[in-house]
């Protein structure tokens, strides 16, 4: 078993800041957690490179689309090299105007964090991979129920 990362709390906070920025539909807030040369690969395979480009591209997306909101569960944070960590999470999305998750939008989030010095962690890579669970409907339903546990009572 791999030990938790010594900066676990900071790296988890970086992920939650990402989710918060996304849910507020703020390209600048999402991008603020990225390294200058960071990359984001979206659920649809789109690739945005660099903090400034990420901010501009997400600002355009948020301005032209009603994006679903995220809820996420961090599964692990572990070191992969000195000053580098990987966070794995599962997330679900709530479509605009809805109060429940759309299981077709479940995703696995992979976040590679780098220490830019002095304990200042930034996202080097963020990737969202669809979690369709083809052939495993019980796993998809279990994830849906787990994520629903994060939703505020209506």
N, C-alpha and C. Protein backbone atom coordinates (compact mmCIF):
# COMPACT_ATOMS: atom_id res chain seq x y z
N UNK A 1 0.84 -1.18 0.00
CA UNK A 1 0.00 0.00 0.00
C UNK A 1 0.89 1.25 0.00
N UNK A 2 0.51 2.22 -0.80
CA UNK A 2 1.26 3.47 -0.90
C UNK A 2 0.83 4.41 0.22
N UNK A 3 1.80 5.03 0.85
CA UNK A 3 1.51 5.97 1.95
C UNK A 3 0.88 7.24 1.40
N UNK A 4 0.08 7.89 2.24
CA UNK A 4 -0.50 9.18 1.86
C UNK A 4 0.61 10.20 1.70
N UNK A 5 0.32 11.21 0.93
CA UNK A 5 1.30 12.26 0.68
C UNK A 5 1.43 13.16 1.91
N UNK A 6 2.66 13.60 2.24
CA UNK A 6 2.83 14.47 3.40
C UNK A 6 2.11 15.82 3.28
N UNK A 7 1.78 16.23 2.07
CA UNK A 7 1.05 17.48 1.85
C UNK A 7 -0.38 17.18 1.37
N UNK A 8 -0.91 16.08 1.86
CA UNK A 8 -2.23 15.60 1.48
C UNK A 8 -3.29 16.70 1.55
N UNK A 9 -3.36 17.40 2.65
CA UNK A 9 -4.40 18.42 2.85
C UNK A 9 -4.29 19.54 1.82
N UNK A 10 -3.08 19.97 1.51
CA UNK A 10 -2.90 21.06 0.53
C UNK A 10 -3.32 20.62 -0.87
N UNK A 11 -3.01 19.38 -1.20
CA UNK A 11 -3.33 18.88 -2.54
C UNK A 11 -4.83 18.64 -2.67
N UNK A 12 -5.45 18.12 -1.62
CA UNK A 12 -6.92 17.98 -1.62
C UNK A 12 -7.58 19.35 -1.74
N UNK A 13 -7.04 20.34 -1.05
CA UNK A 13 -7.60 21.69 -1.13
C UNK A 13 -7.49 22.23 -2.55
N UNK A 14 -6.41 21.92 -3.24
CA UNK A 14 -6.23 22.35 -4.63
C UNK A 14 -7.34 21.77 -5.51
N UNK A 15 -7.66 20.49 -5.29
CA UNK A 15 -8.74 19.84 -6.04
C UNK A 15 -10.09 20.50 -5.73
N UNK A 16 -10.35 20.72 -4.46
CA UNK A 16 -11.63 21.32 -4.08
C UNK A 16 -11.75 22.76 -4.58
N UNK A 17 -10.62 23.48 -4.68
CA UNK A 17 -10.63 24.82 -5.26
C UNK A 17 -10.99 24.74 -6.75
N UNK A 18 -10.47 23.71 -7.42
CA UNK A 18 -10.82 23.50 -8.83
C UNK A 18 -12.33 23.30 -8.96
N UNK A 19 -12.89 22.38 -8.15
CA UNK A 19 -14.33 22.11 -8.22
C UNK A 19 -15.14 23.37 -7.91
N UNK A 20 -14.72 24.11 -6.90
CA UNK A 20 -15.43 25.33 -6.53
C UNK A 20 -15.41 26.35 -7.67
N UNK A 21 -14.26 26.55 -8.29
CA UNK A 21 -14.16 27.47 -9.41
C UNK A 21 -15.04 27.04 -10.57
N UNK A 22 -15.04 25.73 -10.84
CA UNK A 22 -15.89 25.19 -11.91
C UNK A 22 -17.36 25.45 -11.58
N UNK A 23 -17.75 25.12 -10.37
CA UNK A 23 -19.15 25.25 -9.98
C UNK A 23 -19.61 26.71 -9.95
N UNK A 24 -18.69 27.64 -9.72
CA UNK A 24 -19.00 29.07 -9.79
C UNK A 24 -18.91 29.59 -11.22
N UNK A 25 -18.48 28.71 -12.14
CA UNK A 25 -18.37 29.04 -13.56
C UNK A 25 -17.39 30.19 -13.78
N UNK A 26 -16.24 30.08 -13.10
CA UNK A 26 -15.21 31.11 -13.18
C UNK A 26 -13.93 30.54 -13.79
N UNK A 27 -13.67 30.90 -15.03
CA UNK A 27 -12.44 30.44 -15.68
C UNK A 27 -11.20 30.88 -14.93
N UNK A 28 -11.22 32.11 -14.40
CA UNK A 28 -10.07 32.62 -13.66
C UNK A 28 -9.85 31.81 -12.38
N UNK A 29 -10.92 31.47 -11.68
CA UNK A 29 -10.78 30.70 -10.43
C UNK A 29 -10.28 29.29 -10.70
N UNK A 30 -10.79 28.66 -11.75
CA UNK A 30 -10.30 27.33 -12.11
C UNK A 30 -8.82 27.41 -12.44
N UNK A 31 -8.45 28.34 -13.28
CA UNK A 31 -7.07 28.45 -13.76
C UNK A 31 -6.09 28.85 -12.66
N UNK A 32 -6.57 29.52 -11.62
CA UNK A 32 -5.68 30.01 -10.56
C UNK A 32 -4.88 28.89 -9.91
N UNK A 33 -5.41 27.69 -9.89
CA UNK A 33 -4.70 26.58 -9.26
C UNK A 33 -3.67 25.91 -10.15
N UNK A 34 -3.58 26.32 -11.39
CA UNK A 34 -2.69 25.66 -12.35
C UNK A 34 -1.30 26.29 -12.38
N UNK A 35 -0.31 25.47 -12.67
CA UNK A 35 1.04 25.96 -12.96
C UNK A 35 0.96 26.77 -14.26
N UNK A 36 1.91 27.66 -14.46
CA UNK A 36 1.91 28.49 -15.67
C UNK A 36 1.79 27.65 -16.94
N UNK A 37 2.45 26.46 -16.95
CA UNK A 37 2.44 25.59 -18.12
C UNK A 37 1.52 24.38 -17.93
N UNK A 38 0.54 24.50 -17.05
CA UNK A 38 -0.36 23.39 -16.76
C UNK A 38 -1.25 23.01 -17.94
N UNK A 39 -1.76 21.80 -17.87
CA UNK A 39 -2.64 21.28 -18.91
C UNK A 39 -3.94 20.79 -18.28
N UNK A 40 -5.03 20.93 -19.02
CA UNK A 40 -6.31 20.36 -18.63
C UNK A 40 -6.87 19.62 -19.83
N UNK A 41 -7.27 18.38 -19.59
CA UNK A 41 -7.89 17.56 -20.63
C UNK A 41 -9.30 17.26 -20.16
N UNK A 42 -10.27 17.77 -20.90
CA UNK A 42 -11.66 17.69 -20.50
C UNK A 42 -12.31 16.35 -20.76
N UNK A 43 -13.51 16.22 -20.24
CA UNK A 43 -14.34 15.03 -20.36
C UNK A 43 -14.53 14.63 -21.82
N UNK A 44 -14.56 15.64 -22.70
CA UNK A 44 -14.78 15.40 -24.13
C UNK A 44 -13.47 15.23 -24.90
N UNK A 45 -12.35 15.26 -24.19
CA UNK A 45 -11.05 15.11 -24.84
C UNK A 45 -10.39 16.42 -25.23
N UNK A 46 -11.08 17.54 -25.01
CA UNK A 46 -10.48 18.84 -25.35
C UNK A 46 -9.26 19.09 -24.47
N UNK A 47 -8.28 19.78 -25.02
CA UNK A 47 -7.01 20.01 -24.33
C UNK A 47 -6.72 21.51 -24.32
N UNK A 48 -6.49 22.02 -23.14
CA UNK A 48 -6.14 23.43 -22.97
C UNK A 48 -4.80 23.48 -22.26
N UNK A 49 -3.90 24.32 -22.74
CA UNK A 49 -2.53 24.34 -22.22
C UNK A 49 -2.16 25.75 -21.75
N UNK A 50 -1.66 25.81 -20.51
CA UNK A 50 -1.20 27.08 -19.94
C UNK A 50 -2.28 27.77 -19.14
N UNK A 51 -1.89 28.31 -17.99
CA UNK A 51 -2.85 28.94 -17.08
C UNK A 51 -3.68 30.02 -17.78
N UNK A 52 -3.05 30.90 -18.55
CA UNK A 52 -3.78 31.99 -19.19
C UNK A 52 -4.76 31.46 -20.24
N UNK A 53 -4.34 30.46 -20.99
CA UNK A 53 -5.21 29.86 -22.00
C UNK A 53 -6.38 29.12 -21.34
N UNK A 54 -6.10 28.42 -20.24
CA UNK A 54 -7.15 27.72 -19.52
C UNK A 54 -8.20 28.72 -19.04
N UNK A 55 -7.75 29.82 -18.47
CA UNK A 55 -8.69 30.84 -17.98
C UNK A 55 -9.54 31.38 -19.12
N UNK A 56 -8.91 31.73 -20.24
CA UNK A 56 -9.65 32.30 -21.38
C UNK A 56 -10.60 31.28 -22.00
N UNK A 57 -10.11 30.07 -22.19
CA UNK A 57 -10.94 29.03 -22.81
C UNK A 57 -12.14 28.70 -21.94
N UNK A 58 -11.93 28.57 -20.62
CA UNK A 58 -13.05 28.26 -19.74
C UNK A 58 -14.02 29.43 -19.61
N UNK A 59 -13.49 30.64 -19.64
CA UNK A 59 -14.37 31.81 -19.63
C UNK A 59 -15.31 31.77 -20.84
N UNK A 60 -14.78 31.40 -21.99
CA UNK A 60 -15.60 31.29 -23.20
C UNK A 60 -16.62 30.15 -23.08
N UNK A 61 -16.18 29.02 -22.54
CA UNK A 61 -17.09 27.88 -22.37
C UNK A 61 -18.20 28.24 -21.40
N UNK A 62 -17.83 28.80 -20.25
CA UNK A 62 -18.85 29.16 -19.25
C UNK A 62 -19.80 30.23 -19.78
N UNK A 63 -19.29 31.10 -20.65
CA UNK A 63 -20.12 32.15 -21.20
C UNK A 63 -21.09 31.68 -22.26
N UNK A 64 -20.81 30.54 -22.88
CA UNK A 64 -21.65 30.07 -23.98
C UNK A 64 -22.40 28.77 -23.68
N UNK A 65 -22.12 28.13 -22.55
CA UNK A 65 -22.76 26.86 -22.20
C UNK A 65 -23.16 26.85 -20.72
N UNK A 66 -24.28 26.24 -20.44
CA UNK A 66 -24.66 25.98 -19.05
C UNK A 66 -24.00 24.67 -18.66
N UNK A 67 -22.89 24.76 -17.96
CA UNK A 67 -22.14 23.56 -17.59
C UNK A 67 -22.70 22.94 -16.31
N UNK A 68 -22.69 21.61 -16.22
CA UNK A 68 -23.12 20.95 -15.00
C UNK A 68 -22.16 21.25 -13.85
N UNK A 69 -22.68 21.12 -12.63
CA UNK A 69 -21.86 21.33 -11.42
C UNK A 69 -21.28 19.99 -10.98
N UNK A 70 -20.09 20.05 -10.39
CA UNK A 70 -19.41 18.85 -9.89
C UNK A 70 -19.66 18.60 -8.41
N UNK A 71 -19.68 17.32 -8.04
CA UNK A 71 -19.45 16.87 -6.67
C UNK A 71 -18.37 15.80 -6.81
N UNK A 72 -17.41 15.78 -5.89
CA UNK A 72 -16.29 14.86 -6.03
C UNK A 72 -15.87 14.23 -4.73
N UNK A 73 -15.29 13.04 -4.85
CA UNK A 73 -14.76 12.28 -3.73
C UNK A 73 -13.30 11.95 -4.03
N UNK A 74 -12.40 12.44 -3.21
CA UNK A 74 -10.98 12.12 -3.38
C UNK A 74 -10.76 10.70 -2.92
N UNK A 75 -10.14 9.90 -3.76
CA UNK A 75 -9.83 8.50 -3.44
C UNK A 75 -8.43 8.34 -2.87
N UNK A 76 -7.49 9.12 -3.39
CA UNK A 76 -6.11 9.00 -2.89
C UNK A 76 -5.29 10.21 -3.31
N UNK A 77 -4.27 10.47 -2.51
CA UNK A 77 -3.23 11.44 -2.83
C UNK A 77 -1.93 10.75 -2.48
N UNK A 78 -1.05 10.63 -3.47
CA UNK A 78 0.20 9.92 -3.19
C UNK A 78 1.37 10.55 -3.93
N UNK A 79 2.55 10.42 -3.34
CA UNK A 79 3.74 10.95 -4.00
C UNK A 79 4.12 10.07 -5.19
N UNK A 80 4.62 10.72 -6.25
CA UNK A 80 5.14 9.93 -7.37
C UNK A 80 6.60 10.28 -7.67
N UNK A 81 7.07 11.38 -7.11
CA UNK A 81 8.47 11.81 -7.21
C UNK A 81 8.62 12.98 -6.25
N UNK A 82 9.85 13.36 -5.90
CA UNK A 82 10.00 14.53 -5.03
C UNK A 82 9.32 15.76 -5.63
N UNK A 83 8.43 16.39 -4.86
CA UNK A 83 7.74 17.58 -5.33
C UNK A 83 6.63 17.32 -6.32
N UNK A 84 6.23 16.06 -6.48
CA UNK A 84 5.17 15.70 -7.42
C UNK A 84 4.23 14.71 -6.74
N UNK A 85 2.93 14.94 -6.90
CA UNK A 85 1.93 14.05 -6.32
C UNK A 85 0.81 13.83 -7.32
N UNK A 86 0.10 12.74 -7.16
CA UNK A 86 -1.07 12.47 -7.98
C UNK A 86 -2.28 12.27 -7.07
N UNK A 87 -3.36 12.93 -7.42
CA UNK A 87 -4.63 12.81 -6.73
C UNK A 87 -5.59 12.10 -7.68
N UNK A 88 -6.30 11.11 -7.15
CA UNK A 88 -7.35 10.44 -7.91
C UNK A 88 -8.67 10.68 -7.21
N UNK A 89 -9.70 10.98 -8.00
CA UNK A 89 -11.02 11.25 -7.44
C UNK A 89 -12.09 10.72 -8.39
N UNK A 90 -13.26 10.49 -7.84
CA UNK A 90 -14.44 10.23 -8.64
C UNK A 90 -15.35 11.44 -8.50
N UNK A 91 -16.00 11.81 -9.58
CA UNK A 91 -16.90 12.95 -9.54
C UNK A 91 -18.16 12.65 -10.35
N UNK A 92 -19.20 13.33 -9.94
CA UNK A 92 -20.46 13.28 -10.67
C UNK A 92 -20.84 14.71 -11.01
N UNK A 93 -21.78 14.83 -11.93
CA UNK A 93 -22.20 16.15 -12.36
C UNK A 93 -23.72 16.27 -12.28
N UNK A 94 -24.14 17.45 -11.87
CA UNK A 94 -25.56 17.78 -11.76
C UNK A 94 -25.87 18.76 -12.90
N UNK A 95 -26.71 18.33 -13.84
CA UNK A 95 -27.03 19.22 -14.97
C UNK A 95 -27.71 20.50 -14.50
N UNK A 96 -27.54 21.58 -15.25
CA UNK A 96 -28.18 22.86 -14.91
C UNK A 96 -29.69 22.68 -14.74
N UNK A 97 -30.22 23.28 -13.70
CA UNK A 97 -31.65 23.22 -13.44
C UNK A 97 -32.12 21.93 -12.79
N UNK A 98 -31.20 21.01 -12.56
CA UNK A 98 -31.55 19.72 -11.94
C UNK A 98 -31.05 19.71 -10.50
N UNK A 99 -31.51 18.71 -9.74
CA UNK A 99 -31.05 18.57 -8.36
C UNK A 99 -30.40 17.22 -8.11
N UNK A 100 -30.30 16.40 -9.17
CA UNK A 100 -29.71 15.07 -9.00
C UNK A 100 -28.63 14.87 -10.05
N UNK A 101 -27.79 13.90 -9.78
CA UNK A 101 -26.69 13.55 -10.66
C UNK A 101 -27.19 12.90 -11.95
N UNK A 102 -26.44 13.09 -13.02
CA UNK A 102 -26.65 12.36 -14.26
C UNK A 102 -25.56 11.30 -14.33
N UNK A 103 -25.89 10.01 -14.10
CA UNK A 103 -24.87 8.96 -14.10
C UNK A 103 -24.06 8.88 -15.40
N UNK A 104 -24.61 9.39 -16.50
CA UNK A 104 -23.86 9.38 -17.76
C UNK A 104 -22.69 10.35 -17.73
N UNK A 105 -22.65 11.22 -16.72
CA UNK A 105 -21.58 12.22 -16.62
C UNK A 105 -20.57 11.90 -15.52
N UNK A 106 -20.64 10.72 -14.92
CA UNK A 106 -19.65 10.35 -13.92
C UNK A 106 -18.26 10.34 -14.55
N UNK A 107 -17.27 10.70 -13.75
CA UNK A 107 -15.92 10.84 -14.28
C UNK A 107 -14.87 10.45 -13.24
N UNK A 108 -13.72 10.08 -13.73
CA UNK A 108 -12.54 9.88 -12.89
C UNK A 108 -11.66 11.10 -13.13
N UNK A 109 -11.29 11.77 -12.05
CA UNK A 109 -10.39 12.91 -12.14
C UNK A 109 -8.99 12.49 -11.73
N UNK A 110 -8.04 12.85 -12.55
CA UNK A 110 -6.63 12.64 -12.25
C UNK A 110 -5.98 14.02 -12.21
N UNK A 111 -5.37 14.34 -11.08
CA UNK A 111 -4.71 15.64 -10.90
C UNK A 111 -3.26 15.37 -10.53
N UNK A 112 -2.35 15.90 -11.33
CA UNK A 112 -0.93 15.83 -11.02
C UNK A 112 -0.54 17.20 -10.47
N UNK A 113 -0.06 17.20 -9.23
CA UNK A 113 0.32 18.44 -8.55
C UNK A 113 1.83 18.53 -8.44
N UNK A 114 2.34 19.76 -8.56
CA UNK A 114 3.77 20.00 -8.42
C UNK A 114 3.99 21.07 -7.37
N UNK A 115 5.06 20.91 -6.61
CA UNK A 115 5.44 21.90 -5.61
C UNK A 115 6.33 22.91 -6.31
N UNK A 116 5.84 24.14 -6.42
CA UNK A 116 6.61 25.19 -7.10
C UNK A 116 7.60 25.86 -6.16
N UNK A 117 7.72 25.34 -4.97
CA UNK A 117 8.65 25.89 -3.99
C UNK A 117 7.91 26.42 -2.78
N UNK A 118 8.48 26.18 -1.64
CA UNK A 118 7.90 26.69 -0.40
C UNK A 118 6.54 26.10 -0.08
N UNK A 119 6.27 24.90 -0.58
CA UNK A 119 4.99 24.27 -0.30
C UNK A 119 3.84 24.85 -1.10
N UNK A 120 4.15 25.58 -2.17
CA UNK A 120 3.11 26.16 -3.04
C UNK A 120 2.79 25.16 -4.14
N UNK A 121 1.72 24.40 -3.96
CA UNK A 121 1.33 23.36 -4.89
C UNK A 121 0.45 23.93 -5.99
N UNK A 122 0.68 23.47 -7.22
CA UNK A 122 -0.10 23.88 -8.39
C UNK A 122 -0.41 22.64 -9.23
N UNK A 123 -1.46 22.75 -10.03
CA UNK A 123 -1.86 21.66 -10.91
C UNK A 123 -1.00 21.71 -12.17
N UNK A 124 -0.32 20.61 -12.44
CA UNK A 124 0.44 20.47 -13.68
C UNK A 124 -0.44 19.84 -14.76
N UNK A 125 -1.25 18.87 -14.36
CA UNK A 125 -2.15 18.20 -15.29
C UNK A 125 -3.43 17.84 -14.57
N UNK A 126 -4.55 18.13 -15.20
CA UNK A 126 -5.86 17.71 -14.72
C UNK A 126 -6.55 17.02 -15.88
N UNK A 127 -7.00 15.79 -15.65
CA UNK A 127 -7.68 15.05 -16.70
C UNK A 127 -8.98 14.48 -16.17
N UNK A 128 -10.01 14.61 -16.96
CA UNK A 128 -11.33 14.08 -16.65
C UNK A 128 -11.63 12.96 -17.63
N UNK A 129 -11.79 11.75 -17.11
CA UNK A 129 -12.04 10.57 -17.93
C UNK A 129 -13.44 10.03 -17.63
N UNK A 130 -14.29 9.84 -18.65
CA UNK A 130 -15.62 9.30 -18.38
C UNK A 130 -15.55 7.98 -17.60
N UNK A 131 -16.45 7.86 -16.62
CA UNK A 131 -16.55 6.64 -15.81
C UNK A 131 -17.85 5.93 -16.18
N UNK A 132 -17.86 5.33 -17.35
CA UNK A 132 -19.08 4.71 -17.88
C UNK A 132 -19.36 3.35 -17.26
N UNK A 133 -18.33 2.66 -16.82
CA UNK A 133 -18.47 1.32 -16.23
C UNK A 133 -19.24 0.38 -17.17
N UNK A 134 -18.84 0.35 -18.43
CA UNK A 134 -19.48 -0.55 -19.40
C UNK A 134 -19.42 -1.99 -18.88
N UNK A 135 -20.57 -2.61 -18.80
CA UNK A 135 -20.65 -4.00 -18.34
C UNK A 135 -20.66 -4.16 -16.83
N UNK A 136 -20.61 -3.06 -16.10
CA UNK A 136 -20.59 -3.10 -14.64
C UNK A 136 -21.62 -2.13 -14.07
N UNK A 137 -22.89 -2.33 -14.36
CA UNK A 137 -23.92 -1.38 -13.91
C UNK A 137 -24.00 -1.24 -12.40
N UNK A 138 -23.66 -2.31 -11.68
CA UNK A 138 -23.72 -2.22 -10.21
C UNK A 138 -22.65 -1.28 -9.67
N UNK A 139 -21.49 -1.21 -10.31
CA UNK A 139 -20.45 -0.27 -9.87
C UNK A 139 -20.87 1.17 -10.17
N UNK A 140 -21.48 1.38 -11.31
CA UNK A 140 -21.96 2.72 -11.66
C UNK A 140 -23.04 3.17 -10.67
N UNK A 141 -23.96 2.28 -10.33
CA UNK A 141 -25.02 2.62 -9.38
C UNK A 141 -24.45 2.88 -7.99
N UNK A 142 -23.46 2.07 -7.59
CA UNK A 142 -22.83 2.28 -6.27
C UNK A 142 -22.16 3.66 -6.22
N UNK A 143 -21.48 4.05 -7.30
CA UNK A 143 -20.85 5.37 -7.34
C UNK A 143 -21.91 6.46 -7.31
N UNK A 144 -22.99 6.27 -8.04
CA UNK A 144 -24.08 7.26 -8.03
C UNK A 144 -24.60 7.46 -6.62
N UNK A 145 -24.84 6.38 -5.91
CA UNK A 145 -25.37 6.50 -4.55
C UNK A 145 -24.36 7.14 -3.60
N UNK A 146 -23.09 6.80 -3.77
CA UNK A 146 -22.05 7.41 -2.93
C UNK A 146 -21.99 8.92 -3.17
N UNK A 147 -22.01 9.32 -4.43
CA UNK A 147 -21.96 10.75 -4.77
C UNK A 147 -23.22 11.47 -4.31
N UNK A 148 -24.37 10.81 -4.40
CA UNK A 148 -25.61 11.43 -3.92
C UNK A 148 -25.51 11.77 -2.43
N UNK A 149 -24.73 11.00 -1.69
CA UNK A 149 -24.52 11.27 -0.28
C UNK A 149 -23.85 12.61 -0.02
N UNK A 150 -23.22 13.19 -1.05
CA UNK A 150 -22.57 14.48 -0.92
C UNK A 150 -23.51 15.65 -1.21
N UNK A 151 -24.66 15.36 -1.78
CA UNK A 151 -25.58 16.42 -2.17
C UNK A 151 -26.29 16.96 -0.93
N UNK A 152 -26.47 18.25 -0.91
CA UNK A 152 -27.20 18.89 0.20
C UNK A 152 -28.66 18.47 0.12
N UNK A 153 -29.28 18.24 1.27
CA UNK A 153 -30.71 17.89 1.25
C UNK A 153 -31.51 19.00 0.58
N UNK A 154 -32.48 18.61 -0.21
CA UNK A 154 -33.30 19.58 -0.94
C UNK A 154 -34.54 19.95 -0.17
